[in-house]
PDB file of N, CA and C in Angstrom:
ATOM      1  N   MET A   1      14.608  22.040 -14.989  1.00  0.00           N
ATOM      2  CA  MET A   1      13.498  21.399 -15.536  1.00  0.00           C
ATOM      3  C   MET A   1      12.836  20.602 -15.011  1.00  0.00           C
ATOM      4  N   ALA A   2      11.810  20.275 -14.951  1.00  0.00           N
ATOM      5  CA  ALA A   2      11.201  19.186 -14.229  1.00  0.00           C
ATOM      6  C   ALA A   2      11.129  17.800 -14.636  1.00  0.00           C
ATOM      7  N   ALA A   3      11.152  16.713 -13.798  1.00  0.00           N
ATOM      8  CA  ALA A   3      11.511  15.531 -14.168  1.00  0.00           C
ATOM      9  C   ALA A   3      10.405  14.844 -15.029  1.00  0.00           C
ATOM     10  N   SER A   4      10.707  14.379 -16.252  1.00  0.00           N
ATOM     11  CA  SER A   4       9.587  13.671 -17.007  1.00  0.00           C
ATOM     12  C   SER A   4       8.799  12.460 -16.170  1.00  0.00           C
ATOM     13  N   ARG A   5       7.571  12.473 -16.693  1.00  0.00           N
ATOM     14  CA  ARG A   5       6.786  11.453 -15.902  1.00  0.00           C
ATOM     15  C   ARG A   5       7.174  10.099 -15.920  1.00  0.00           C
ATOM     16  N   GLU A   6       7.870   9.666 -17.168  1.00  0.00           N
ATOM     17  CA  GLU A   6       8.663   8.530 -17.202  1.00  0.00           C
ATOM     18  C   GLU A   6       9.825   8.519 -16.199  1.00  0.00           C
ATOM     19  N   SER A   7      10.683   9.264 -16.009  1.00  0.00           N
ATOM     20  CA  SER A   7      11.633   9.019 -15.151  1.00  0.00           C
ATOM     21  C   SER A   7      11.137   9.164 -13.656  1.00  0.00           C
ATOM     22  N   THR A   8       9.948   9.850 -13.420  1.00  0.00           N
ATOM     23  CA  THR A   8       9.357   9.777 -12.178  1.00  0.00           C
ATOM     24  C   THR A   8       9.126   8.324 -11.848  1.00  0.00           C
ATOM     25  N   VAL A   9       8.717   7.771 -12.695  1.00  0.00           N
ATOM     26  CA  VAL A   9       8.017   6.206 -12.268  1.00  0.00           C
ATOM     27  C   VAL A   9       9.160   5.459 -12.520  1.00  0.00           C
ATOM     28  N   ARG A  10      10.182   5.520 -13.208  1.00  0.00           N
ATOM     29  CA  ARG A  10      11.357   4.683 -13.118  1.00  0.00           C
ATOM     30  C   ARG A  10      12.181   4.820 -11.588  1.00  0.00           C
ATOM     31  N   GLU A  11      12.093   6.289 -11.273  1.00  0.00           N
ATOM     32  CA  GLU A  11      12.649   6.492  -9.982  1.00  0.00           C
ATOM     33  C   GLU A  11      11.918   5.645  -8.672  1.00  0.00           C
ATOM     34  N   TYR A  12      10.605   5.997  -9.080  1.00  0.00           N
ATOM     35  CA  TYR A  12       9.755   5.485  -8.092  1.00  0.00           C
ATOM     36  C   TYR A  12      10.128   3.779  -7.746  1.00  0.00           C
ATOM     37  N   TYR A  13      10.351   3.115  -8.659  1.00  0.00           N
ATOM     38  CA  TYR A  13      10.753   1.623  -8.935  1.00  0.00           C
ATOM     39  C   TYR A  13      12.031   1.558  -7.774  1.00  0.00           C
ATOM     40  N   GLU A  14      13.068   2.498  -8.284  1.00  0.00           N
ATOM     41  CA  GLU A  14      14.273   2.450  -7.322  1.00  0.00           C
ATOM     42  C   GLU A  14      14.046   2.790  -6.073  1.00  0.00           C
ATOM     43  N   ARG A  15      13.421   3.785  -5.752  1.00  0.00           N
ATOM     44  CA  ARG A  15      13.198   4.319  -4.326  1.00  0.00           C
ATOM     45  C   ARG A  15      12.471   3.183  -3.648  1.00  0.00           C
ATOM     46  N   VAL A  16      11.377   2.686  -4.098  1.00  0.00           N
ATOM     47  CA  VAL A  16      10.739   1.814  -3.167  1.00  0.00           C
ATOM     48  C   VAL A  16      11.662   0.258  -3.135  1.00  0.00           C
ATOM     49  N   ASP A  17      12.353   0.132  -3.950  1.00  0.00           N
ATOM     50  CA  ASP A  17      13.188  -1.247  -3.728  1.00  0.00           C
ATOM     51  C   ASP A  17      14.331  -0.742  -2.889  1.00  0.00           C
ATOM     52  N   ALA A  18      14.868   0.523  -2.512  1.00  0.00           N
ATOM     53  CA  ALA A  18      15.501   0.680  -1.698  1.00  0.00           C
ATOM     54  C   ALA A  18      15.286   1.215  -0.177  1.00  0.00           C
ATOM     55  N   ALA A  19      13.771   0.802  -0.289  1.00  0.00           N
ATOM     56  CA  ALA A  19      13.111   1.375   0.931  1.00  0.00           C
ATOM     57  C   ALA A  19      13.220   2.822   1.606  1.00  0.00           C
ATOM     58  N   ASP A  20      13.378   3.621   0.352  1.00  0.00           N
ATOM     59  CA  ASP A  20      13.593   5.167   0.595  1.00  0.00           C
ATOM     60  C   ASP A  20      12.271   5.540   0.498  1.00  0.00           C
ATOM     61  N   TYR A  21      11.219   5.127   1.581  1.00  0.00           N
ATOM     62  CA  TYR A  21       9.857   5.658   1.605  1.00  0.00           C
ATOM     63  C   TYR A  21       9.537   6.951   1.421  1.00  0.00           C
ATOM     64  N   GLU A  22      10.146   7.819   2.182  1.00  0.00           N
ATOM     65  CA  GLU A  22      10.161   9.316   2.317  1.00  0.00           C
ATOM     66  C   GLU A  22      10.138   9.837   1.102  1.00  0.00           C
ATOM     67  N   ALA A  23      11.191   9.281   0.196  1.00  0.00           N
ATOM     68  CA  ALA A  23      11.117   9.945  -1.336  1.00  0.00           C
ATOM     69  C   ALA A  23       9.915   9.331  -2.081  1.00  0.00           C
ATOM     70  N   VAL A  24       9.606   8.142  -1.811  1.00  0.00           N
ATOM     71  CA  VAL A  24       8.348   7.565  -2.440  1.00  0.00           C
ATOM     72  C   VAL A  24       7.379   8.489  -2.148  1.00  0.00           C
ATOM     73  N   PHE A  25       6.861   8.895  -0.917  1.00  0.00           N
ATOM     74  CA  PHE A  25       5.708   9.487  -0.573  1.00  0.00           C
ATOM     75  C   PHE A  25       6.078  10.881  -1.174  1.00  0.00           C
ATOM     76  N   ASP A  26       6.941  11.543  -1.465  1.00  0.00           N
ATOM     77  CA  ASP A  26       7.011  12.811  -2.049  1.00  0.00           C
ATOM     78  C   ASP A  26       6.634  12.843  -3.577  1.00  0.00           C
ATOM     79  N   MET A  27       6.491  11.635  -4.015  1.00  0.00           N
ATOM     80  CA  MET A  27       6.297  11.407  -5.317  1.00  0.00           C
ATOM     81  C   MET A  27       4.635  11.421  -5.834  1.00  0.00           C
ATOM     82  N   PHE A  28       3.873  11.197  -4.827  1.00  0.00           N
ATOM     83  CA  PHE A  28       2.494  11.366  -4.969  1.00  0.00           C
ATOM     84  C   PHE A  28       1.801  12.334  -4.230  1.00  0.00           C
ATOM     85  N   CYS A  29       0.804  12.739  -4.958  1.00  0.00           N
ATOM     86  CA  CYS A  29      -0.402  13.892  -4.149  1.00  0.00           C
ATOM     87  C   CYS A  29      -0.983  13.166  -3.027  1.00  0.00           C
ATOM     88  N   GLU A  30      -1.186  14.327  -1.826  1.00  0.00           N
ATOM     89  CA  GLU A  30      -1.589  13.879  -0.718  1.00  0.00           C
ATOM     90  C   GLU A  30      -3.082  13.236  -0.568  1.00  0.00           C
ATOM     91  N   ASP A  31      -3.696  13.531  -1.903  1.00  0.00           N
ATOM     92  CA  ASP A  31      -5.192  12.723  -1.813  1.00  0.00           C
ATOM     93  C   ASP A  31      -5.183  11.652  -2.969  1.00  0.00           C
ATOM     94  N   LEU A  32      -3.884  10.890  -2.749  1.00  0.00           N
ATOM     95  CA  LEU A  32      -3.822   9.795  -3.905  1.00  0.00           C
ATOM     96  C   LEU A  32      -5.053   8.726  -3.645  1.00  0.00           C
ATOM     97  N   VAL A  33      -4.957   7.773  -4.696  1.00  0.00           N
ATOM     98  CA  VAL A  33      -5.839   6.678  -4.677  1.00  0.00           C
ATOM     99  C   VAL A  33      -4.852   5.573  -5.386  1.00  0.00           C
ATOM    100  N   TYR A  34      -4.866   4.293  -4.502  1.00  0.00           N
ATOM    101  CA  TYR A  34      -4.031   3.489  -5.293  1.00  0.00           C
ATOM    102  C   TYR A  34      -4.677   2.127  -5.087  1.00  0.00           C
ATOM    103  N   GLU A  35      -4.928   1.634  -6.346  1.00  0.00           N
ATOM    104  CA  GLU A  35      -5.803   0.277  -6.234  1.00  0.00           C
ATOM    105  C   GLU A  35      -5.151  -0.756  -6.776  1.00  0.00           C
ATOM    106  N   ARG A  36      -5.053  -1.872  -5.740  1.00  0.00           N
ATOM    107  CA  ARG A  36      -4.523  -3.069  -6.280  1.00  0.00           C
ATOM    108  C   ARG A  36      -5.250  -4.216  -6.283  1.00  0.00           C
ATOM    109  N   GLY A  37      -5.322  -5.124  -7.457  1.00  0.00           N
ATOM    110  CA  GLY A  37      -5.993  -6.086  -7.568  1.00  0.00           C
ATOM    111  C   GLY A  37      -6.214  -7.166  -6.274  1.00  0.00           C
ATOM    112  N   GLY A  38      -7.543  -7.168  -5.894  1.00  0.00           N
ATOM    113  CA  GLY A  38      -7.682  -8.253  -4.732  1.00  0.00           C
ATOM    114  C   GLY A  38      -8.080  -7.238  -3.463  1.00  0.00           C
ATOM    115  N   THR A  39      -7.802  -5.724  -3.321  1.00  0.00           N
ATOM    116  CA  THR A  39      -7.828  -5.543  -2.089  1.00  0.00           C
ATOM    117  C   THR A  39      -8.432  -4.192  -1.904  1.00  0.00           C
ATOM    118  N   GLU A  40      -8.975  -3.490  -1.169  1.00  0.00           N
ATOM    119  CA  GLU A  40      -9.524  -2.364  -1.019  1.00  0.00           C
ATOM    120  C   GLU A  40      -8.818  -1.089  -1.528  1.00  0.00           C
ATOM    121  N   ALA A  41      -9.053  -0.315  -2.172  1.00  0.00           N
ATOM    122  CA  ALA A  41      -8.307   0.895  -2.466  1.00  0.00           C
ATOM    123  C   ALA A  41      -7.568   1.573  -1.285  1.00  0.00           C
ATOM    124  N   ILE A  42      -6.331   1.990  -1.581  1.00  0.00           N
ATOM    125  CA  ILE A  42      -5.679   2.876  -0.346  1.00  0.00           C
ATOM    126  C   ILE A  42      -5.958   4.191  -1.031  1.00  0.00           C
ATOM    127  N   VAL A  43      -6.450   4.912  -0.151  1.00  0.00           N
ATOM    128  CA  VAL A  43      -7.097   6.278  -0.414  1.00  0.00           C
ATOM    129  C   VAL A  43      -6.422   7.210   0.705  1.00  0.00           C
ATOM    130  N   GLY A  44      -5.465   8.465   0.035  1.00  0.00           N
ATOM    131  CA  GLY A  44      -4.943   9.159   1.079  1.00  0.00           C
ATOM    132  C   GLY A  44      -3.713   8.950   1.468  1.00  0.00           C
ATOM    133  N   MET A  45      -2.742   9.989   1.825  1.00  0.00           N
ATOM    134  CA  MET A  45      -1.335   9.950   2.031  1.00  0.00           C
ATOM    135  C   MET A  45      -1.292   8.868   3.491  1.00  0.00           C
ATOM    136  N   ASP A  46      -2.325   8.889   4.294  1.00  0.00           N
ATOM    137  CA  ASP A  46      -2.249   8.473   5.539  1.00  0.00           C
ATOM    138  C   ASP A  46      -2.021   6.820   5.324  1.00  0.00           C
ATOM    139  N   GLU A  47      -2.991   6.257   4.623  1.00  0.00           N
ATOM    140  CA  GLU A  47      -3.550   4.920   4.067  1.00  0.00           C
ATOM    141  C   GLU A  47      -2.053   4.362   3.532  1.00  0.00           C
ATOM    142  N   PHE A  48      -1.532   5.321   2.567  1.00  0.00           N
ATOM    143  CA  PHE A  48      -0.465   5.339   1.667  1.00  0.00           C
ATOM    144  C   PHE A  48       0.948   4.781   2.531  1.00  0.00           C
ATOM    145  N   LYS A  49       1.001   5.633   3.516  1.00  0.00           N
ATOM    146  CA  LYS A  49       2.090   5.452   4.329  1.00  0.00           C
ATOM    147  C   LYS A  49       1.860   4.132   5.208  1.00  0.00           C
ATOM    148  N   ARG A  50       0.768   3.879   5.725  1.00  0.00           N
ATOM    149  CA  ARG A  50       0.452   2.795   6.617  1.00  0.00           C
ATOM    150  C   ARG A  50       0.704   1.660   5.911  1.00  0.00           C
ATOM    151  N   PHE A  51       0.378   1.598   4.546  1.00  0.00           N
ATOM    152  CA  PHE A  51       0.424   0.246   3.728  1.00  0.00           C
ATOM    153  C   PHE A  51       2.268   0.162   3.232  1.00  0.00           C
ATOM    154  N   TYR A  52       2.829   1.008   3.011  1.00  0.00           N
ATOM    155  CA  TYR A  52       4.200   0.762   2.867  1.00  0.00           C
ATOM    156  C   TYR A  52       5.076   0.590   4.284  1.00  0.00           C
ATOM    157  N   LEU A  53       4.592   1.180   5.277  1.00  0.00           N
ATOM    158  CA  LEU A  53       5.342   1.283   6.593  1.00  0.00           C
ATOM    159  C   LEU A  53       5.045  -0.179   7.527  1.00  0.00           C
ATOM    160  N   ALA A  54       3.907  -0.639   7.152  1.00  0.00           N
ATOM    161  CA  ALA A  54       3.205  -1.606   8.144  1.00  0.00           C
ATOM    162  C   ALA A  54       2.667  -2.682   7.321  1.00  0.00           C
ATOM    163  N   ASP A  55       1.626  -2.536   6.286  1.00  0.00           N
ATOM    164  CA  ASP A  55       0.747  -3.704   5.776  1.00  0.00           C
ATOM    165  C   ASP A  55       1.510  -4.324   4.731  1.00  0.00           C
ATOM    166  N   ARG A  56       2.273  -3.768   4.248  1.00  0.00           N
ATOM    167  CA  ARG A  56       2.933  -4.368   2.854  1.00  0.00           C
ATOM    168  C   ARG A  56       3.716  -5.741   3.141  1.00  0.00           C
ATOM    169  N   ILE A  57       3.527  -6.668   2.468  1.00  0.00           N
ATOM    170  CA  ILE A  57       3.679  -8.424   2.759  1.00  0.00           C
ATOM    171  C   ILE A  57       5.136  -8.513   2.010  1.00  0.00           C
ATOM    172  N   ILE A  58       5.857  -7.435   1.205  1.00  0.00           N
ATOM    173  CA  ILE A  58       7.217  -7.600   0.940  1.00  0.00           C
ATOM    174  C   ILE A  58       8.130  -7.101   1.708  1.00  0.00           C
ATOM    175  N   GLU A  59       9.014  -7.907   2.209  1.00  0.00           N
ATOM    176  CA  GLU A  59      10.200  -7.447   2.878  1.00  0.00           C
ATOM    177  C   GLU A  59      11.276  -6.913   2.156  1.00  0.00           C
ATOM    178  N   SER A  60      11.703  -7.514   0.831  1.00  0.00           N
ATOM    179  CA  SER A  60      12.884  -6.724   0.207  1.00  0.00           C
ATOM    180  C   SER A  60      12.753  -7.508  -1.262  1.00  0.00           C
ATOM    181  N   GLY A  61      13.269  -6.606  -2.159  1.00  0.00           N
ATOM    182  CA  GLY A  61      13.466  -7.165  -3.685  1.00  0.00           C
ATOM    183  C   GLY A  61      13.511  -6.191  -4.324  1.00  0.00           C
ATOM    184  N   ARG A  62      13.462  -6.615  -5.905  1.00  0.00           N
ATOM    185  CA  ARG A  62      13.877  -5.816  -7.027  1.00  0.00           C
ATOM    186  C   ARG A  62      12.524  -5.796  -8.135  1.00  0.00           C
ATOM    187  N   HIS A  63      12.082  -4.699  -8.416  1.00  0.00           N
ATOM    188  CA  HIS A  63      11.383  -4.396  -9.784  1.00  0.00           C
ATOM    189  C   HIS A  63      12.130  -4.337 -10.890  1.00  0.00           C
ATOM    190  N   ASP A  64      12.169  -5.451 -12.009  1.00  0.00           N
ATOM    191  CA  ASP A  64      12.631  -5.111 -13.199  1.00  0.00           C
ATOM    192  C   ASP A  64      11.985  -4.694 -14.067  1.00  0.00           C
ATOM    193  N   VAL A  65      11.833  -3.563 -14.560  1.00  0.00           N
ATOM    194  CA  VAL A  65      11.127  -2.726 -15.400  1.00  0.00           C
ATOM    195  C   VAL A  65      11.526  -3.233 -17.124  1.00  0.00           C
ATOM    196  N   ALA A  66      10.449  -4.091 -17.603  1.00  0.00           N
ATOM    197  CA  ALA A  66      10.663  -4.339 -19.037  1.00  0.00           C
ATOM    198  C   ALA A  66      10.324  -3.553 -19.927  1.00  0.00           C
ATOM    199  N   SER A  67       9.051  -2.544 -19.658  1.00  0.00           N
ATOM    200  CA  SER A  67       8.739  -1.636 -20.524  1.00  0.00           C
ATOM    201  C   SER A  67       7.979  -0.428 -19.869  1.00  0.00           C
ATOM    202  N   ILE A  68       7.912   0.903 -20.483  1.00  0.00           N
ATOM    203  CA  ILE A  68       7.450   2.016 -19.837  1.00  0.00           C
ATOM    204  C   ILE A  68       6.688   2.755 -21.244  1.00  0.00           C
ATOM    205  N   VAL A  69       5.305   3.015 -21.094  1.00  0.00           N
ATOM    206  CA  VAL A  69       4.870   3.739 -22.151  1.00  0.00           C
ATOM    207  C   VAL A  69       4.132   4.865 -21.515  1.00  0.00           C
ATOM    208  N   GLU A  70       4.551   6.219 -21.777  1.00  0.00           N
ATOM    209  CA  GLU A  70       3.933   7.499 -21.335  1.00  0.00           C
ATOM    210  C   GLU A  70       3.165   8.091 -22.617  1.00  0.00           C
ATOM    211  N   SER A  71       1.778   8.371 -22.063  1.00  0.00           N
ATOM    212  CA  SER A  71       0.505   8.764 -23.032  1.00  0.00           C
ATOM    213  C   SER A  71      -0.092   9.968 -22.072  1.00  0.00           C
ATOM    214  N   GLY A  72       0.496  11.244 -22.364  1.00  0.00           N
ATOM    215  CA  GLY A  72      -0.410  12.511 -21.874  1.00  0.00           C
ATOM    216  C   GLY A  72      -0.122  12.286 -20.302  1.00  0.00           C
ATOM    217  N   ASP A  73      -0.969  12.123 -19.531  1.00  0.00           N
ATOM    218  CA  ASP A  73      -0.825  12.316 -17.987  1.00  0.00           C
ATOM    219  C   ASP A  73      -0.589  10.718 -17.237  1.00  0.00           C
ATOM    220  N   TRP A  74      -0.597   9.751 -18.491  1.00  0.00           N
ATOM    221  CA  TRP A  74      -0.570   8.533 -17.877  1.00  0.00           C
ATOM    222  C   TRP A  74       0.458   7.896 -18.356  1.00  0.00           C
ATOM    223  N   VAL A  75       1.224   7.119 -17.181  1.00  0.00           N
ATOM    224  CA  VAL A  75       2.504   6.397 -17.825  1.00  0.00           C
ATOM    225  C   VAL A  75       2.163   4.905 -17.333  1.00  0.00           C
ATOM    226  N   ALA A  76       2.375   3.854 -18.125  1.00  0.00           N
ATOM    227  CA  ALA A  76       2.021   2.353 -17.900  1.00  0.00           C
ATOM    228  C   ALA A  76       3.437   1.703 -17.817  1.00  0.00           C
ATOM    229  N   ALA A  77       3.682   0.921 -17.018  1.00  0.00           N
ATOM    230  CA  ALA A  77       4.950   0.041 -16.769  1.00  0.00           C
ATOM    231  C   ALA A  77       4.631  -1.466 -16.554  1.00  0.00           C
ATOM    232  N   ARG A  78       5.558  -2.342 -17.049  1.00  0.00           N
ATOM    233  CA  ARG A  78       5.331  -3.568 -16.526  1.00  0.00           C
ATOM    234  C   ARG A  78       6.742  -4.195 -16.484  1.00  0.00           C
ATOM    235  N   GLY A  79       6.476  -5.596 -15.952  1.00  0.00           N
ATOM    236  CA  GLY A  79       8.023  -5.866 -15.471  1.00  0.00           C
ATOM    237  C   GLY A  79       7.916  -7.114 -14.361  1.00  0.00           C
ATOM    238  N   VAL A  80       8.826  -7.502 -13.924  1.00  0.00           N
ATOM    239  CA  VAL A  80       8.985  -8.566 -13.035  1.00  0.00           C
ATOM    240  C   VAL A  80       9.477  -8.136 -11.286  1.00  0.00           C
ATOM    241  N   PHE A  81       9.001  -8.518 -10.520  1.00  0.00           N
ATOM    242  CA  PHE A  81       9.309  -8.396  -9.324  1.00  0.00           C
ATOM    243  C   PHE A  81       9.893  -9.516  -8.758  1.00  0.00           C
ATOM    244  N   THR A  82      10.939  -9.697  -8.134  1.00  0.00           N
ATOM    245  CA  THR A  82      11.702 -10.675  -7.540  1.00  0.00           C
ATOM    246  C   THR A  82      12.198 -10.334  -6.161  1.00  0.00           C
ATOM    247  N   GLY A  83      11.884 -11.028  -5.068  1.00  0.00           N
ATOM    248  CA  GLY A  83      12.353 -10.726  -3.767  1.00  0.00           C
ATOM    249  C   GLY A  83      11.862 -11.687  -2.592  1.00  0.00           C
ATOM    250  N   GLN A  84      11.879 -11.106  -1.735  1.00  0.00           N
ATOM    251  CA  GLN A  84      11.223 -12.041  -0.521  1.00  0.00           C
ATOM    252  C   GLN A  84      10.062 -11.433   0.381  1.00  0.00           C
ATOM    253  N   LEU A  85       9.074 -12.196   0.811  1.00  0.00           N
ATOM    254  CA  LEU A  85       7.964 -11.651   1.710  1.00  0.00           C
ATOM    255  C   LEU A  85       8.535 -11.681   2.912  1.00  0.00           C
ATOM    256  N   LYS A  86       7.522 -11.138   3.625  1.00  0.00           N
ATOM    257  CA  LYS A  86       7.849 -11.122   5.267  1.00  0.00           C
ATOM    258  C   LYS A  86       7.801 -12.272   5.846  1.00  0.00           C
ATOM    259  N   THR A  87       7.079 -13.478   5.226  1.00  0.00           N
ATOM    260  CA  THR A  87       7.145 -14.796   5.681  1.00  0.00           C
ATOM    261  C   THR A  87       8.372 -15.508   5.219  1.00  0.00           C
ATOM    262  N   ALA A  88       9.214 -14.830   4.655  1.00  0.00           N
ATOM    263  CA  ALA A  88      10.492 -15.519   4.234  1.00  0.00           C
ATOM    264  C   ALA A  88      10.445 -16.179   2.752  1.00  0.00           C
ATOM    265  N   GLU A  89       9.228 -16.308   2.345  1.00  0.00           N
ATOM    266  CA  GLU A  89       8.981 -17.115   1.035  1.00  0.00           C
ATOM    267  C   GLU A  89       9.935 -16.166  -0.091  1.00  0.00           C
ATOM    268  N   GLU A  90      10.510 -16.895  -1.067  1.00  0.00           N
ATOM    269  CA  GLU A  90      10.832 -16.111  -2.199  1.00  0.00           C
ATOM    270  C   GLU A  90       9.937 -15.992  -3.334  1.00  0.00           C
ATOM    271  N   VAL A  91       9.852 -14.950  -4.184  1.00  0.00           N
ATOM    272  CA  VAL A  91       8.694 -14.696  -5.034  1.00  0.00           C
ATOM    273  C   VAL A  91       9.438 -14.113  -6.319  1.00  0.00           C
ATOM    274  N   SER A  92       8.601 -14.350  -7.271  1.00  0.00           N
ATOM    275  CA  SER A  92       8.981 -14.035  -8.772  1.00  0.00           C
ATOM    276  C   SER A  92       7.531 -13.592  -9.412  1.00  0.00           C
ATOM    277  N   VAL A  93       6.974 -12.652  -9.447  1.00  0.00           N
ATOM    278  CA  VAL A  93       5.726 -12.067  -9.920  1.00  0.00           C
ATOM    279  C   VAL A  93       5.839 -10.957 -11.260  1.00  0.00           C
ATOM    280  N   ASN A  94       4.928 -11.349 -12.103  1.00  0.00           N
ATOM    281  CA  ASN A  94       4.771 -10.439 -13.228  1.00  0.00           C
ATOM    282  C   ASN A  94       3.956  -9.453 -12.739  1.00  0.00           C
ATOM    283  N   TRP A  95       3.996  -8.204 -13.321  1.00  0.00           N
ATOM    284  CA  TRP A  95       3.023  -7.025 -12.937  1.00  0.00           C
ATOM    285  C   TRP A  95       3.074  -6.145 -13.831  1.00  0.00           C
ATOM    286  N   ALA A  96       1.817  -5.342 -13.834  1.00  0.00           N
ATOM    287  CA  ALA A  96       1.801  -4.033 -14.646  1.00  0.00           C
ATOM    288  C   ALA A  96       1.244  -3.040 -13.847  1.00  0.00           C
ATOM    289  N   ASP A  97       1.448  -1.554 -13.751  1.00  0.00           N
ATOM    290  CA  ASP A  97       1.205  -0.893 -13.291  1.00  0.00           C
ATOM    291  C   ASP A  97       0.576   0.522 -14.033  1.00  0.00           C
ATOM    292  N   PHE A  98      -0.294   1.168 -13.644  1.00  0.00           N
ATOM    293  CA  PHE A  98      -0.810   2.454 -14.511  1.00  0.00           C
ATOM    294  C   PHE A  98      -0.941   3.545 -13.612  1.00  0.00           C
ATOM    295  N   HIS A  99       0.080   4.708 -13.775  1.00  0.00           N
ATOM    296  CA  HIS A  99       0.119   5.978 -12.962  1.00  0.00           C
ATOM    297  C   HIS A  99      -0.570   6.826 -13.718  1.00  0.00           C
ATOM    298  N   LEU A 100      -1.405   7.707 -12.835  1.00  0.00           N
ATOM    299  CA  LEU A 100      -1.967   8.809 -13.664  1.00  0.00           C
ATOM    300  C   LEU A 100      -1.255  10.054 -12.803  1.00  0.00           C
ATOM    301  N   PHE A 101      -1.039  11.097 -13.587  1.00  0.00           N
ATOM    302  CA  PHE A 101      -0.303  12.192 -12.824  1.00  0.00           C
ATOM    303  C   PHE A 101      -1.113  13.377 -12.983  1.00  0.00           C
ATOM    304  N   ARG A 102      -1.070  14.029 -11.759  1.00  0.00           N
ATOM    305  CA  ARG A 102      -1.792  15.632 -11.726  1.00  0.00           C
ATOM    306  C   ARG A 102      -0.411  16.340 -11.431  1.00  0.00           C
ATOM    307  N   GLY A 103      -0.456  17.501 -12.177  1.00  0.00           N
ATOM    308  CA  GLY A 103       1.213  18.301 -12.110  1.00  0.00           C
ATOM    309  C   GLY A 103       2.053  17.353 -12.239  1.00  0.00           C
ATOM    310  N   GLY A 104       2.971  17.576 -11.353  1.00  0.00           N
ATOM    311  CA  GLY A 104       4.217  16.755 -11.420  1.00  0.00           C
ATOM    312  C   GLY A 104       4.390  15.361 -10.258  1.00  0.00           C
ATOM    313  N   LYS A 105       3.107  14.958  -9.845  1.00  0.00           N
ATOM    314  CA  LYS A 105       3.085  14.166  -8.934  1.00  0.00           C
ATOM    315  C   LYS A 105       1.923  12.884  -9.513  1.00  0.00           C
ATOM    316  N   ILE A 106       2.153  11.619  -8.842  1.00  0.00           N
ATOM    317  CA  ILE A 106       1.277  10.587  -9.160  1.00  0.00           C
ATOM    318  C   ILE A 106       0.085  10.970  -8.196  1.00  0.00           C
ATOM    319  N   TRP A 107      -0.960  10.717  -8.944  1.00  0.00           N
ATOM    320  CA  TRP A 107      -2.290  10.964  -8.292  1.00  0.00           C
ATOM    321  C   TRP A 107      -3.172   9.609  -8.205  1.00  0.00           C
ATOM    322  N   ARG A 108      -3.321   9.014  -9.166  1.00  0.00           N
ATOM    323  CA  ARG A 108      -3.812   7.626  -9.020  1.00  0.00           C
ATOM    324  C   ARG A 108      -2.716   6.503  -9.470  1.00  0.00           C
ATOM    325  N   ARG A 109      -3.195   5.516  -8.956  1.00  0.00           N
ATOM    326  CA  ARG A 109      -2.044   4.142  -9.248  1.00  0.00           C
ATOM    327  C   ARG A 109      -2.908   2.976  -9.483  1.00  0.00           C
ATOM    328  N   TYR A 110      -2.869   2.189 -10.550  1.00  0.00           N
ATOM    329  CA  TYR A 110      -3.463   0.763 -10.223  1.00  0.00           C
ATOM    330  C   TYR A 110      -2.660  -0.180 -10.697  1.00  0.00           C
ATOM    331  N   THR A 111      -2.360  -1.142  -9.660  1.00  0.00           N
ATOM    332  CA  THR A 111      -1.357  -2.435  -9.948  1.00  0.00           C
ATOM    333  C   THR A 111      -2.203  -3.781 -10.171  1.00  0.00           C
ATOM    334  N   TYR A 112      -1.778  -4.323 -11.366  1.00  0.00           N
ATOM    335  CA  TYR A 112      -2.129  -5.699 -11.463  1.00  0.00           C
ATOM    336  C   TYR A 112      -1.179  -6.686 -11.719  1.00  0.00           C
ATOM    337  N   PHE A 113      -1.273  -7.920 -11.213  1.00  0.00           N
ATOM    338  CA  PHE A 113      -0.397  -9.052 -10.881  1.00  0.00           C
ATOM    339  C   PHE A 113      -0.845 -10.174 -12.139  1.00  0.00           C
ATOM    340  N   ALA A 114       0.233 -10.738 -12.796  1.00  0.00           N
ATOM    341  CA  ALA A 114      -0.264 -11.629 -13.516  1.00  0.00           C
ATOM    342  C   ALA A 114      -0.223 -13.061 -13.074  1.00  0.00           C
ATOM    343  N   ASP A 115       0.525 -13.199 -12.142  1.00  0.00           N
ATOM    344  CA  ASP A 115       0.831 -14.475 -11.481  1.00  0.00           C
ATOM    345  C   ASP A 115       0.179 -14.657  -9.994  1.00  0.00           C
ATOM    346  N   ARG A 116       0.279 -13.903  -8.829  1.00  0.00           N
ATOM    347  CA  ARG A 116      -0.542 -13.863  -7.650  1.00  0.00           C
ATOM    348  C   ARG A 116      -0.180 -12.272  -7.252  1.00  0.00           C
ATOM    349  N   ALA A 117      -1.111 -12.122  -6.338  1.00  0.00           N
ATOM    350  CA  ALA A 117      -1.132 -10.611  -5.619  1.00  0.00           C
ATOM    351  C   ALA A 117       0.153 -10.775  -4.648  1.00  0.00           C
ATOM    352  N   ILE A 118       0.693  -9.846  -4.194  1.00  0.00           N
ATOM    353  CA  ILE A 118       1.559  -9.797  -3.357  1.00  0.00           C
ATOM    354  C   ILE A 118       1.430  -8.365  -2.782  1.00  0.00           C
TER     355      ILE A 118
END
């Protein structure tokens, strides 16, 4: 049986926190679009990989998921990220994500930060 969309999103946060990026990439469509407040959209798998492997300013940390709501092809999640940036700065940031699925994979993702963009 295929994983539920909610469980896929929960697994995404676990995998990204563990820096298991190959597993993260497998959760997304090749033609994905990822929009993050205050930055240009990340379009396609090549840009997505470059973001996670080179451009992302987070060194390490943990997403604590406070709530997840699934409705049709959408999964919304919110929580707090606590961790360290590549500059060694410690951060704690409230976030909300919206994941749009196509088939069993995430096709579009939107991230919003309540405190500051990271």
